[in-house]
Amino acid sequence: MPYVPVPRRPSESLDGAERRWAAIVSAHPDLTPAVNLQRTLLTLVLDVDRTISGGRLPRLSLPPKYLAAKLMRGVPVFTGEPIPLPVAFLKTPLSRMCDELAIGGAGESADHIRHALENGSMDAGSLLSASLSRDQGAIRTGASHRGLSPDLTWLVAELAVSSVAHALQHMLCGAPAGNELRDALAAWNHGYCPACGSWPALAEVVAGHRTLRCSFCAAAWELTTYACIYCGEDGERFVTVAPDEAREDIRLEMCGSCGSYLKTLDLPGLSPFPFVTVGDLETMELDSAAMEHGYVRPPMKEFATRR
């Protein structure tokens, strides 16, 4: 089944993340500040997740048959849906994310985002809604017009609303109601996330299964073919390499047809939410290796929708 349910087990996953962070610091002491910042930010995300799971999840009227029809057209579940958000509750995590990023090295850039949110020059609800709908263009444009860092603004919003995205993904796709929706998820064979439409942060390989992982909503899915997730190239222009012979557990998939790359990481089990990003940190050297050879990660995919 291409869509792979991942159990929700935040307390257990934190212990596993601590072991992985310790291994990162042991191998790369220079990454200690990055590990400390990631630990702090993901702990905040977990706090939001506990509250969201305790009853602040938006109520939706999305019939399974309707969602199945979207998926069969290649349109992710969230795309185009006016999903209500608990904005009043999420404003505090937004500010705290800014504060921690400022302390962790983003400095005045993060402070400026917090001030813009607090004085109302940037609307928190609009920012969070744009993040949930994966509207990267709107966030970048809005941030630039206000003299804010577009990438940092995207990150702050993503961190704050990711718990909502994960809870919705788990609710709608983890135990789908109706045979149509189950069949549509089973038939999903696209490189982008079936729930939110993001490209995967990486692929986690568990027991030989190459599972694509969305770092935003933590969805997990497999493709029926071994090919470039972006353009479908499966010939000689699509290659998988291990840049470091001593670390054959981390590899790069590189496509000469579209010039894009994907990182893969061997693990004993799939990473629960919100710890997919730990694998992204573990494999930072792969990003450098890919970009040195001219490979890139493509921009967020856009979708045409119809009701």
Foldseek 3Di string as FASTA:
>chain_A
DFWDFDDDDVVVLLVVLVVLLVVLCVVPVVCVLVSVLVNVLQVLLVVVLVVCVVPQAFDDDQDLLNLLVCLVVVHANPAPDPTDHPQVVLLVLLLVNLVSVCVSPPNVLSVLVNVCPVVVVDPSRVLLVCLQLVVLVVQQVSQVVSVHDSVVSSVSSLSSCLSNLQVVCCVCPVDHPDPSNVVSSVPRAAQADNHRQFHAQAWEAAPNFTWGARLRNGIIGGHPDPAPRHPRHDDPQWDKADPDPVCPQKIKTAGPVVQAIHIYGYDNDRRHPNCPCSVSVVPVVVVVVSVVVPGYHDGGDDDDDDD
